[in-house]
C-alpha cells in the first residue's frame, strides 16, 4: 500500500486507499467509467481505429515503463 500510494502517472489508475479489516479487505482505486481497457482492445464489438489502438498501447507501455522505473 505504501508503494501504491507513492505512484503518480497519467497512464496509471490512481490508488486512493485501502481497507485491511476482514472480511472487507480491499484496495480503493480511481473510478474509470465505461468498459475495461482489455474489453475495449480485445473483446469489444465496437470498432476502434488503428490509431486509437496504437495510442492505447503506447500509453500502456509508458505506464509500465514508469512502474519499472519506480520499483528498481
Protein backbone atom coordinates (compact mmCIF):
# COMPACT_ATOMS: atom_id res chain seq x y z
CA UNK A 1 0.00 0.00 0.00
CA UNK A 2 2.91 2.32 0.70
CA UNK A 3 4.27 1.76 -2.81
CA UNK A 4 0.86 2.18 -4.45
CA UNK A 5 0.25 5.45 -2.61
CA UNK A 6 3.50 6.89 -3.96
CA UNK A 7 2.75 6.19 -7.64
CA UNK A 8 1.55 9.09 -9.80
CA UNK A 9 1.41 8.80 -13.57
CA UNK A 10 -1.23 9.77 -16.16
CA UNK A 11 -1.27 6.21 -17.53
CA UNK A 12 -1.96 4.53 -14.18
CA UNK A 13 -5.23 4.27 -12.31
CA UNK A 14 -4.80 6.24 -9.09
CA UNK A 15 -4.66 4.42 -5.75
CA UNK A 16 -6.93 6.15 -3.23
CA UNK A 17 -6.77 3.94 -0.17
CA UNK A 18 -7.31 0.51 1.30
CA UNK A 19 -9.19 -1.43 3.92
CA UNK A 20 -7.34 -4.19 5.76
CA UNK A 21 -10.20 -5.18 8.05
CA UNK A 22 -11.58 -8.64 7.25
CA UNK A 23 -13.91 -9.52 5.66
CA UNK A 24 -13.70 -6.30 3.63
CA UNK A 25 -10.04 -6.38 2.60
CA UNK A 26 -9.90 -4.15 -0.48
CA UNK A 27 -7.91 -1.64 -2.47
CA UNK A 28 -9.74 1.54 -3.42
CA UNK A 29 -8.79 2.89 -6.83
CA UNK A 30 -9.87 5.81 -9.02
CA UNK A 31 -13.14 5.13 -10.87
CA UNK A 32 -12.66 4.66 -14.60
CA UNK A 33 -16.02 4.74 -16.42
CA UNK A 34 -17.21 2.59 -19.31
CA UNK A 35 -15.54 -0.71 -20.18
CA UNK A 36 -12.19 -2.15 -19.16
CA UNK A 37 -9.22 -1.48 -21.41
CA UNK A 38 -8.91 -5.21 -22.06
CA UNK A 39 -12.52 -5.38 -23.22
CA UNK A 40 -12.16 -2.32 -25.40
CA UNK A 41 -8.98 -3.51 -27.12
CA UNK A 42 -9.62 -7.22 -27.49
CA UNK A 43 -13.24 -8.23 -26.84
CA UNK A 44 -15.35 -5.33 -27.99
CA UNK A 45 -17.69 -5.36 -30.94
CA UNK A 46 -17.03 -1.61 -31.14
CA UNK A 47 -14.62 -0.89 -33.98
CA UNK A 48 -11.75 1.32 -32.85
CA UNK A 49 -9.27 2.82 -35.26
CA UNK A 50 -5.75 1.51 -35.57
CA UNK A 51 -4.55 4.94 -34.47
CA UNK A 52 -6.54 4.76 -31.22
CA UNK A 53 -5.40 1.18 -30.64
CA UNK A 54 -1.77 2.28 -31.17
CA UNK A 55 -2.15 5.24 -28.79
CA UNK A 56 -3.65 2.95 -26.13
CA UNK A 57 -0.74 0.54 -26.46
CA UNK A 58 1.76 3.40 -26.20
CA UNK A 59 0.01 4.61 -23.05
CA UNK A 60 0.19 1.11 -21.55
CA UNK A 61 3.90 0.94 -22.37
CA UNK A 62 4.51 4.35 -20.76
CA UNK A 63 2.68 3.26 -17.62
CA UNK A 64 4.68 0.03 -17.44
CA UNK A 65 7.96 1.88 -18.03
CA UNK A 66 7.10 4.23 -15.16
CA UNK A 67 6.31 1.28 -12.87
CA UNK A 68 9.61 -0.39 -13.73
CA UNK A 69 11.50 2.83 -13.01
CA UNK A 70 9.90 3.08 -9.54
CA UNK A 71 10.42 -0.48 -8.36
CA UNK A 72 14.12 -0.91 -9.02
